[in-house]
Amino acid sequence: MAFLTNVPDATFQTRVRTDAGGDNPFDWKELTSDDVFKGKKVVVFSLPGAFTPTCSTSHLPRYEALYEEFKAQGVDAVVCLSVNDAFVMYQWGVAQKVENVFLLPDGNGEFTRKMGMLVEKSNLGFGMRSWRYAMVVDDSEIKQMFVEDGFEDNHGADPFEVSDADTVLNWLKG
């Protein structure tokens, strides 16, 4: 499988808290790939979906737990990307008590598709989702990819061996 050398251009629809208060104190905010990656060292891990078992019990929590260790390796941001909308990603962050990892919604799957990581998961009723992977990005250049084996539509399993926080952190440590 050939990988890109730079992250693709994409636009992400996010929600940001405002001072408005009330029931919905959020506004839409578009972020581009440049906003997320340009001039920064970023660890990204992408997963099939918020609130799903492996993503919620292992993948996200371990990156959150090791956040300070990533920062100690010169990482500016740890980003969790999923083909979910901004509302789902926000509620998942609340449920997971996330304080450090930035949850980036790729609601239309644009970034994931351009990365070549969009797969069909209709066998699980998910539709199009991200294959599980992680990467280290430095100033928009992909330095290392950690892609789970078995990349294919409607894969019967959910491999989780190489995109975990410990593997990526160990790579950063050399």
N, C-alpha and C. Protein backbone atom coordinates (compact mmCIF):
# COMPACT_ATOMS: atom_id res chain seq x y z
N MET A 1 0.85 -1.17 0.00
CA MET A 1 0.00 0.00 0.00
C MET A 1 0.90 1.24 0.00
N ALA A 2 0.71 2.10 -0.95
CA ALA A 2 1.48 3.35 -1.03
C ALA A 2 0.78 4.42 -0.20
N PHE A 3 1.58 5.20 0.49
CA PHE A 3 1.04 6.25 1.33
C PHE A 3 1.43 7.62 0.80
N LEU A 4 0.64 8.60 1.15
CA LEU A 4 0.92 9.99 0.78
C LEU A 4 2.16 10.48 1.53
N THR A 5 2.81 11.49 0.99
CA THR A 5 3.94 12.09 1.69
C THR A 5 3.52 13.31 2.49
N ASN A 6 2.41 13.92 2.12
CA ASN A 6 1.87 15.08 2.85
C ASN A 6 0.38 14.85 3.11
N VAL A 7 -0.11 15.46 4.18
CA VAL A 7 -1.54 15.35 4.46
C VAL A 7 -2.31 16.06 3.35
N PRO A 8 -3.47 15.55 2.99
CA PRO A 8 -4.26 16.19 1.93
C PRO A 8 -4.96 17.45 2.42
N ASP A 9 -5.29 18.30 1.46
CA ASP A 9 -6.09 19.49 1.77
C ASP A 9 -7.53 19.05 2.02
N ALA A 10 -8.07 19.47 3.13
CA ALA A 10 -9.46 19.15 3.47
C ALA A 10 -9.99 20.25 4.38
N THR A 11 -11.30 20.32 4.49
CA THR A 11 -11.96 21.25 5.38
C THR A 11 -12.79 20.46 6.37
N PHE A 12 -12.63 20.78 7.63
CA PHE A 12 -13.34 20.10 8.71
C PHE A 12 -14.36 21.06 9.31
N GLN A 13 -15.57 20.58 9.52
CA GLN A 13 -16.63 21.37 10.16
C GLN A 13 -16.63 21.05 11.64
N THR A 14 -16.22 22.04 12.45
CA THR A 14 -16.15 21.82 13.89
C THR A 14 -17.10 22.77 14.60
N ARG A 15 -17.25 22.56 15.89
CA ARG A 15 -18.06 23.43 16.73
C ARG A 15 -17.17 23.97 17.83
N VAL A 16 -17.29 25.26 18.12
CA VAL A 16 -16.51 25.88 19.20
C VAL A 16 -17.45 26.59 20.17
N ARG A 17 -17.09 26.51 21.44
CA ARG A 17 -17.90 27.14 22.49
C ARG A 17 -17.79 28.66 22.37
N THR A 18 -18.92 29.33 22.57
CA THR A 18 -18.96 30.79 22.56
C THR A 18 -19.35 31.29 23.95
N ASP A 19 -19.39 32.57 24.11
CA ASP A 19 -19.82 33.15 25.38
C ASP A 19 -21.34 33.36 25.43
N ALA A 20 -22.04 32.90 24.42
CA ALA A 20 -23.48 33.15 24.30
C ALA A 20 -24.29 32.50 25.41
N GLY A 21 -23.83 31.37 25.93
CA GLY A 21 -24.61 30.67 26.96
C GLY A 21 -25.82 30.00 26.34
N GLY A 22 -26.76 29.63 27.18
CA GLY A 22 -27.98 28.99 26.70
C GLY A 22 -27.80 27.51 26.41
N ASP A 23 -28.78 26.97 25.68
CA ASP A 23 -28.80 25.53 25.40
C ASP A 23 -27.75 25.11 24.36
N ASN A 24 -27.34 26.02 23.50
CA ASN A 24 -26.41 25.68 22.45
C ASN A 24 -25.34 26.78 22.30
N PRO A 25 -24.41 26.82 23.25
CA PRO A 25 -23.41 27.90 23.22
C PRO A 25 -22.24 27.61 22.27
N PHE A 26 -22.55 27.17 21.06
CA PHE A 26 -21.53 26.81 20.09
C PHE A 26 -21.80 27.47 18.74
N ASP A 27 -20.73 27.73 18.02
CA ASP A 27 -20.81 28.20 16.64
C ASP A 27 -20.01 27.25 15.76
N TRP A 28 -20.35 27.26 14.49
CA TRP A 28 -19.58 26.48 13.53
C TRP A 28 -18.24 27.15 13.29
N LYS A 29 -17.21 26.35 13.14
CA LYS A 29 -15.90 26.86 12.78
C LYS A 29 -15.25 25.89 11.80
N GLU A 30 -14.92 26.40 10.62
CA GLU A 30 -14.21 25.56 9.65
C GLU A 30 -12.73 25.56 9.99
N LEU A 31 -12.14 24.38 9.98
CA LEU A 31 -10.70 24.24 10.09
C LEU A 31 -10.20 23.59 8.81
N THR A 32 -9.07 24.02 8.34
CA THR A 32 -8.47 23.40 7.16
C THR A 32 -7.32 22.50 7.61
N SER A 33 -6.81 21.72 6.67
CA SER A 33 -5.64 20.91 6.97
C SER A 33 -4.49 21.79 7.44
N ASP A 34 -4.33 22.95 6.82
CA ASP A 34 -3.27 23.87 7.24
C ASP A 34 -3.46 24.31 8.69
N ASP A 35 -4.70 24.57 9.09
CA ASP A 35 -4.97 24.97 10.48
C ASP A 35 -4.51 23.90 11.46
N VAL A 36 -4.70 22.66 11.09
CA VAL A 36 -4.40 21.54 11.98
C VAL A 36 -2.92 21.16 11.95
N PHE A 37 -2.30 21.21 10.76
CA PHE A 37 -0.98 20.61 10.60
C PHE A 37 0.18 21.57 10.28
N LYS A 38 -0.09 22.69 9.66
CA LYS A 38 0.99 23.55 9.19
C LYS A 38 1.80 24.13 10.36
N GLY A 39 3.12 23.93 10.29
CA GLY A 39 4.01 24.45 11.31
C GLY A 39 3.94 23.74 12.64
N LYS A 40 3.34 22.55 12.68
CA LYS A 40 3.16 21.82 13.93
C LYS A 40 3.60 20.37 13.77
N LYS A 41 3.98 19.77 14.88
CA LYS A 41 4.22 18.33 14.93
C LYS A 41 2.99 17.72 15.58
N VAL A 42 2.31 16.86 14.82
CA VAL A 42 1.01 16.35 15.24
C VAL A 42 1.00 14.82 15.17
N VAL A 43 0.48 14.20 16.20
CA VAL A 43 0.19 12.77 16.17
C VAL A 43 -1.31 12.65 15.92
N VAL A 44 -1.65 11.90 14.89
CA VAL A 44 -3.06 11.66 14.53
C VAL A 44 -3.34 10.18 14.70
N PHE A 45 -4.47 9.88 15.31
CA PHE A 45 -4.95 8.50 15.26
C PHE A 45 -6.39 8.54 14.79
N SER A 46 -6.68 7.68 13.84
CA SER A 46 -8.00 7.67 13.23
C SER A 46 -8.65 6.33 13.52
N LEU A 47 -9.94 6.39 13.77
CA LEU A 47 -10.64 5.18 14.19
C LEU A 47 -12.03 5.12 13.57
N PRO A 48 -12.65 3.94 13.61
CA PRO A 48 -13.94 3.76 12.93
C PRO A 48 -15.10 4.58 13.47
N GLY A 49 -15.14 4.83 14.79
CA GLY A 49 -16.28 5.59 15.25
C GLY A 49 -16.29 5.90 16.73
N ALA A 50 -16.79 7.08 17.05
CA ALA A 50 -17.01 7.47 18.44
C ALA A 50 -18.00 6.50 19.09
N PHE A 51 -17.83 6.28 20.35
CA PHE A 51 -18.71 5.44 21.17
C PHE A 51 -18.62 3.95 20.84
N THR A 52 -17.71 3.55 19.97
CA THR A 52 -17.56 2.12 19.65
C THR A 52 -16.62 1.48 20.67
N PRO A 53 -16.71 0.16 20.87
CA PRO A 53 -16.00 -0.48 21.99
C PRO A 53 -14.48 -0.25 22.05
N THR A 54 -13.74 -0.67 21.04
CA THR A 54 -12.28 -0.54 21.10
C THR A 54 -11.86 0.92 21.14
N CYS A 55 -12.55 1.75 20.38
CA CYS A 55 -12.23 3.18 20.33
C CYS A 55 -12.41 3.83 21.69
N SER A 56 -13.46 3.42 22.41
CA SER A 56 -13.80 4.04 23.69
C SER A 56 -13.09 3.43 24.89
N THR A 57 -12.73 2.16 24.82
CA THR A 57 -12.10 1.52 25.97
C THR A 57 -10.59 1.50 25.89
N SER A 58 -10.02 1.58 24.68
CA SER A 58 -8.57 1.46 24.54
C SER A 58 -7.93 2.59 23.74
N HIS A 59 -8.40 2.79 22.51
CA HIS A 59 -7.69 3.67 21.59
C HIS A 59 -7.60 5.10 22.12
N LEU A 60 -8.72 5.77 22.29
CA LEU A 60 -8.73 7.15 22.78
C LEU A 60 -8.20 7.27 24.21
N PRO A 61 -8.63 6.45 25.15
CA PRO A 61 -8.16 6.63 26.53
C PRO A 61 -6.64 6.54 26.69
N ARG A 62 -6.00 5.68 25.93
CA ARG A 62 -4.55 5.53 26.08
C ARG A 62 -3.80 6.75 25.53
N TYR A 63 -4.28 7.31 24.41
CA TYR A 63 -3.67 8.54 23.91
C TYR A 63 -3.86 9.67 24.91
N GLU A 64 -5.02 9.74 25.51
CA GLU A 64 -5.28 10.76 26.53
C GLU A 64 -4.33 10.57 27.72
N ALA A 65 -4.16 9.33 28.16
CA ALA A 65 -3.31 9.03 29.31
C ALA A 65 -1.84 9.36 29.04
N LEU A 66 -1.39 9.18 27.81
CA LEU A 66 0.02 9.41 27.47
C LEU A 66 0.28 10.79 26.87
N TYR A 67 -0.70 11.67 26.93
CA TYR A 67 -0.60 12.98 26.30
C TYR A 67 0.67 13.73 26.69
N GLU A 68 0.97 13.80 27.96
CA GLU A 68 2.15 14.55 28.43
C GLU A 68 3.44 13.92 27.90
N GLU A 69 3.45 12.61 27.74
CA GLU A 69 4.64 11.95 27.18
C GLU A 69 4.81 12.30 25.70
N PHE A 70 3.70 12.42 24.98
CA PHE A 70 3.78 12.87 23.59
C PHE A 70 4.32 14.30 23.54
N LYS A 71 3.82 15.16 24.41
CA LYS A 71 4.29 16.55 24.47
C LYS A 71 5.80 16.59 24.75
N ALA A 72 6.28 15.71 25.62
CA ALA A 72 7.69 15.66 25.96
C ALA A 72 8.55 15.25 24.76
N GLN A 73 7.94 14.65 23.76
CA GLN A 73 8.65 14.26 22.53
C GLN A 73 8.55 15.35 21.46
N GLY A 74 8.09 16.53 21.84
CA GLY A 74 8.01 17.65 20.91
C GLY A 74 6.73 17.69 20.09
N VAL A 75 5.74 16.91 20.48
CA VAL A 75 4.46 16.89 19.77
C VAL A 75 3.62 18.08 20.23
N ASP A 76 3.12 18.84 19.26
CA ASP A 76 2.29 20.01 19.57
C ASP A 76 0.84 19.66 19.83
N ALA A 77 0.35 18.61 19.16
CA ALA A 77 -1.06 18.22 19.31
C ALA A 77 -1.23 16.73 19.06
N VAL A 78 -2.15 16.15 19.80
CA VAL A 78 -2.58 14.77 19.56
C VAL A 78 -4.02 14.88 19.10
N VAL A 79 -4.29 14.35 17.90
CA VAL A 79 -5.58 14.52 17.25
C VAL A 79 -6.22 13.16 17.00
N CYS A 80 -7.46 13.02 17.43
CA CYS A 80 -8.26 11.84 17.14
C CYS A 80 -9.23 12.21 16.03
N LEU A 81 -9.13 11.51 14.91
CA LEU A 81 -9.97 11.79 13.75
C LEU A 81 -10.94 10.64 13.54
N SER A 82 -12.17 10.98 13.25
CA SER A 82 -13.17 9.96 12.96
C SER A 82 -14.20 10.51 11.98
N VAL A 83 -14.73 9.63 11.17
CA VAL A 83 -15.80 10.01 10.24
C VAL A 83 -17.11 10.02 11.05
N ASN A 84 -17.20 11.05 11.87
CA ASN A 84 -18.39 11.34 12.67
C ASN A 84 -18.60 12.85 12.60
N ASP A 85 -19.82 13.30 12.89
CA ASP A 85 -20.08 14.73 12.85
C ASP A 85 -19.60 15.40 14.14
N ALA A 86 -19.56 16.72 14.11
CA ALA A 86 -19.05 17.50 15.24
C ALA A 86 -19.85 17.28 16.51
N PHE A 87 -21.15 17.07 16.39
CA PHE A 87 -21.99 16.88 17.57
C PHE A 87 -21.66 15.56 18.27
N VAL A 88 -21.49 14.51 17.49
CA VAL A 88 -21.14 13.19 18.04
C VAL A 88 -19.76 13.24 18.69
N MET A 89 -18.80 13.85 17.99
CA MET A 89 -17.44 13.93 18.54
C MET A 89 -17.41 14.71 19.85
N TYR A 90 -18.19 15.79 19.91
CA TYR A 90 -18.24 16.58 21.14
C TYR A 90 -18.80 15.74 22.29
N GLN A 91 -19.92 15.08 22.07
CA GLN A 91 -20.55 14.28 23.13
C GLN A 91 -19.67 13.11 23.55
N TRP A 92 -18.95 12.53 22.58
CA TRP A 92 -18.03 11.46 22.92
C TRP A 92 -16.91 11.99 23.82
N GLY A 93 -16.40 13.17 23.50
CA GLY A 93 -15.38 13.78 24.33
C GLY A 93 -15.86 14.03 25.75
N VAL A 94 -17.10 14.49 25.89
CA VAL A 94 -17.69 14.70 27.21
C VAL A 94 -17.79 13.36 27.94
N ALA A 95 -18.31 12.35 27.28
CA ALA A 95 -18.49 11.03 27.89
C ALA A 95 -17.15 10.41 28.30
N GLN A 96 -16.11 10.67 27.51
CA GLN A 96 -14.79 10.11 27.78
C GLN A 96 -13.94 10.99 28.71
N LYS A 97 -14.47 12.17 29.05
CA LYS A 97 -13.75 13.12 29.90
C LYS A 97 -12.40 13.51 29.29
N VAL A 98 -12.40 13.74 27.99
CA VAL A 98 -11.19 14.11 27.27
C VAL A 98 -10.82 15.56 27.58
N GLU A 99 -9.58 15.77 27.96
CA GLU A 99 -9.09 17.12 28.27
C GLU A 99 -7.98 17.56 27.34
N ASN A 100 -7.24 16.62 26.74
CA ASN A 100 -6.05 16.97 25.99
C ASN A 100 -6.09 16.62 24.51
N VAL A 101 -6.59 15.46 24.19
CA VAL A 101 -6.66 15.03 22.79
C VAL A 101 -7.71 15.87 22.07
N PHE A 102 -7.36 16.37 20.89
CA PHE A 102 -8.30 17.16 20.09
C PHE A 102 -9.11 16.20 19.22
N LEU A 103 -10.43 16.20 19.40
CA LEU A 103 -11.32 15.33 18.63
C LEU A 103 -11.73 16.07 17.36
N LEU A 104 -11.27 15.56 16.22
CA LEU A 104 -11.47 16.24 14.95
C LEU A 104 -12.51 15.48 14.12
N PRO A 105 -13.68 16.07 13.92
CA PRO A 105 -14.71 15.40 13.11
C PRO A 105 -14.43 15.52 11.62
N ASP A 106 -14.44 14.38 10.96
CA ASP A 106 -14.34 14.34 9.49
C ASP A 106 -15.69 13.85 8.98
N GLY A 107 -16.71 14.65 9.28
CA GLY A 107 -18.10 14.24 9.04
C GLY A 107 -18.42 13.80 7.64
N ASN A 108 -17.81 14.42 6.65
CA ASN A 108 -18.05 14.03 5.26
C ASN A 108 -17.06 12.99 4.77
N GLY A 109 -16.08 12.66 5.60
CA GLY A 109 -15.06 11.69 5.21
C GLY A 109 -14.09 12.23 4.16
N GLU A 110 -14.06 13.55 3.98
CA GLU A 110 -13.21 14.13 2.94
C GLU A 110 -11.73 13.84 3.18
N PHE A 111 -11.24 14.14 4.38
CA PHE A 111 -9.84 13.91 4.70
C PHE A 111 -9.52 12.41 4.62
N THR A 112 -10.38 11.61 5.20
CA THR A 112 -10.17 10.16 5.23
C THR A 112 -10.14 9.59 3.82
N ARG A 113 -11.04 10.04 2.97
CA ARG A 113 -11.05 9.58 1.57
C ARG A 113 -9.77 9.98 0.86
N LYS A 114 -9.35 11.23 1.03
CA LYS A 114 -8.14 11.70 0.37
C LYS A 114 -6.88 11.02 0.91
N MET A 115 -6.93 10.55 2.15
CA MET A 115 -5.83 9.78 2.73
C MET A 115 -5.80 8.37 2.17
N GLY A 116 -6.90 7.95 1.52
CA GLY A 116 -6.98 6.58 1.03
C GLY A 116 -7.37 5.60 2.12
N MET A 117 -7.98 6.09 3.19
CA MET A 117 -8.30 5.26 4.35
C MET A 117 -9.81 5.08 4.57
N LEU A 118 -10.62 5.50 3.61
CA LEU A 118 -12.06 5.36 3.75
C LEU A 118 -12.47 3.94 3.35
N VAL A 119 -13.18 3.27 4.22
CA VAL A 119 -13.66 1.91 3.95
C VAL A 119 -15.15 1.81 4.25
N GLU A 120 -15.78 0.89 3.57
CA GLU A 120 -17.19 0.62 3.82
C GLU A 120 -17.31 -0.33 5.00
N LYS A 121 -18.19 0.00 5.93
CA LYS A 121 -18.44 -0.84 7.09
C LYS A 121 -19.95 -1.10 7.22
N SER A 122 -20.58 -1.30 6.06
CA SER A 122 -22.02 -1.56 6.08
C SER A 122 -22.34 -2.89 6.75
N ASN A 123 -21.36 -3.79 6.83
CA ASN A 123 -21.59 -5.05 7.54
C ASN A 123 -21.89 -4.81 9.02
N LEU A 124 -21.52 -3.63 9.52
CA LEU A 124 -21.79 -3.27 10.91
C LEU A 124 -22.85 -2.17 11.02
N GLY A 125 -23.38 -1.75 9.87
CA GLY A 125 -24.35 -0.67 9.87
C GLY A 125 -23.73 0.70 10.04
N PHE A 126 -22.42 0.82 9.78
CA PHE A 126 -21.71 2.08 9.96
C PHE A 126 -21.66 2.94 8.70
N GLY A 127 -21.82 2.33 7.53
CA GLY A 127 -21.62 3.08 6.30
C GLY A 127 -20.13 3.25 6.04
N MET A 128 -19.75 4.40 5.48
CA MET A 128 -18.35 4.67 5.17
C MET A 128 -17.65 5.22 6.43
N ARG A 129 -16.51 4.63 6.76
CA ARG A 129 -15.76 5.01 7.96
C ARG A 129 -14.27 4.97 7.69
N SER A 130 -13.52 5.41 8.67
CA SER A 130 -12.07 5.37 8.55
C SER A 130 -11.56 4.00 8.96
N TRP A 131 -10.55 3.54 8.22
CA TRP A 131 -9.78 2.38 8.67
C TRP A 131 -8.96 2.86 9.87
N ARG A 132 -8.65 1.98 10.76
CA ARG A 132 -7.90 2.35 11.96
C ARG A 132 -6.41 2.52 11.60
N TYR A 133 -5.88 3.71 11.89
CA TYR A 133 -4.47 3.99 11.64
C TYR A 133 -4.01 5.14 12.54
N ALA A 134 -2.71 5.35 12.58
CA ALA A 134 -2.14 6.51 13.25
C ALA A 134 -1.02 7.03 12.36
N MET A 135 -0.63 8.28 12.59
CA MET A 135 0.49 8.83 11.84
C MET A 135 1.13 9.97 12.62
N VAL A 136 2.41 10.18 12.31
CA VAL A 136 3.14 11.31 12.84
C VAL A 136 3.32 12.28 11.68
N VAL A 137 2.89 13.52 11.90
CA VAL A 137 2.94 14.55 10.86
C VAL A 137 3.76 15.72 11.38
N ASP A 138 4.72 16.17 10.58
CA ASP A 138 5.55 17.31 10.95
C ASP A 138 5.43 18.36 9.85
N ASP A 139 4.81 19.49 10.19
CA ASP A 139 4.59 20.58 9.24
C ASP A 139 3.93 20.07 7.96
N SER A 140 2.87 19.33 8.12
CA SER A 140 2.03 18.77 7.04
C SER A 140 2.67 17.59 6.30
N GLU A 141 3.91 17.24 6.64
CA GLU A 141 4.57 16.09 6.01
C GLU A 141 4.38 14.85 6.87
N ILE A 142 3.90 13.79 6.25
CA ILE A 142 3.69 12.53 6.96
C ILE A 142 5.04 11.85 7.14
N LYS A 143 5.46 11.72 8.39
CA LYS A 143 6.77 11.13 8.70
C LYS A 143 6.68 9.62 8.89
N GLN A 144 5.56 9.15 9.44
CA GLN A 144 5.40 7.71 9.69
C GLN A 144 3.92 7.36 9.75
N MET A 145 3.57 6.23 9.15
CA MET A 145 2.20 5.71 9.19
C MET A 145 2.19 4.40 9.97
N PHE A 146 1.14 4.19 10.71
CA PHE A 146 0.90 2.97 11.47
C PHE A 146 -0.50 2.48 11.08
N VAL A 147 -0.57 1.63 10.07
CA VAL A 147 -1.86 1.20 9.51
C VAL A 147 -2.13 -0.24 9.92
N GLU A 148 -3.30 -0.47 10.44
CA GLU A 148 -3.67 -1.83 10.84
C GLU A 148 -3.78 -2.74 9.62
N ASP A 149 -3.39 -4.00 9.81
CA ASP A 149 -3.47 -5.00 8.74
C ASP A 149 -4.92 -5.27 8.35
N GLY A 150 -5.09 -5.75 7.13
CA GLY A 150 -6.40 -6.21 6.67
C GLY A 150 -7.26 -5.14 6.03
N PHE A 151 -6.65 -4.02 5.61
CA PHE A 151 -7.41 -2.93 5.02
C PHE A 151 -8.30 -3.44 3.90
N GLU A 152 -9.61 -3.33 4.09
CA GLU A 152 -10.59 -3.71 3.06
C GLU A 152 -11.98 -3.31 3.52
N ASP A 153 -12.88 -3.19 2.56
CA ASP A 153 -14.27 -2.93 2.87
C ASP A 153 -14.86 -4.11 3.63
N ASN A 154 -15.72 -3.79 4.59
CA ASN A 154 -16.48 -4.79 5.35
C ASN A 154 -15.62 -5.88 5.96
N HIS A 155 -14.44 -5.49 6.43
CA HIS A 155 -13.56 -6.43 7.11
C HIS A 155 -14.30 -7.01 8.31
N GLY A 156 -14.16 -8.29 8.52
CA GLY A 156 -14.90 -8.96 9.58
C GLY A 156 -14.38 -8.68 10.98
N ALA A 157 -13.15 -8.19 11.08
CA ALA A 157 -12.56 -7.92 12.39
C ALA A 157 -12.22 -6.44 12.50
N ASP A 158 -11.77 -6.05 13.67
CA ASP A 158 -11.34 -4.68 13.93
C ASP A 158 -9.93 -4.73 14.49
N PRO A 159 -8.93 -4.93 13.61
CA PRO A 159 -7.56 -5.06 14.11
C PRO A 159 -7.09 -3.81 14.85
N PHE A 160 -6.35 -4.05 15.94
CA PHE A 160 -5.84 -2.97 16.76
C PHE A 160 -4.50 -3.41 17.35
N GLU A 161 -3.47 -3.33 16.52
CA GLU A 161 -2.14 -3.81 16.92
C GLU A 161 -1.05 -2.76 16.79
N VAL A 162 -1.14 -1.85 15.81
CA VAL A 162 -0.03 -0.94 15.52
C VAL A 162 -0.39 0.54 15.59
N SER A 163 -1.66 0.88 15.71
CA SER A 163 -2.05 2.29 15.75
C SER A 163 -2.27 2.78 17.18
N ASP A 164 -1.88 1.97 18.14
CA ASP A 164 -2.07 2.31 19.54
C ASP A 164 -1.07 3.36 20.00
N ALA A 165 -1.37 4.01 21.09
CA ALA A 165 -0.55 5.10 21.61
C ALA A 165 0.86 4.65 21.97
N ASP A 166 1.00 3.49 22.56
CA ASP A 166 2.32 3.04 22.99
C ASP A 166 3.24 2.80 21.80
N THR A 167 2.72 2.22 20.73
CA THR A 167 3.54 1.97 19.54
C THR A 167 4.02 3.29 18.93
N VAL A 168 3.13 4.25 18.81
CA VAL A 168 3.50 5.54 18.23
C VAL A 168 4.49 6.26 19.12
N LEU A 169 4.26 6.25 20.43
CA LEU A 169 5.17 6.90 21.37
C LEU A 169 6.56 6.26 21.32
N ASN A 170 6.61 4.94 21.26
CA ASN A 170 7.90 4.25 21.16
C ASN A 170 8.64 4.64 19.88
N TRP A 171 7.91 4.80 18.78
CA TRP A 171 8.54 5.23 17.53
C TRP A 171 9.14 6.63 17.70
N LEU A 172 8.39 7.52 18.33
CA LEU A 172 8.88 8.88 18.56
C LEU A 172 10.14 8.90 19.43
N LYS A 173 10.20 8.00 20.38
CA LYS A 173 11.36 7.93 21.27
C LYS A 173 12.58 7.33 20.59
N GLY A 174 12.36 6.73 19.39
CA GLY A 174 13.47 6.18 18.62
C GLY A 174 13.82 4.79 19.01
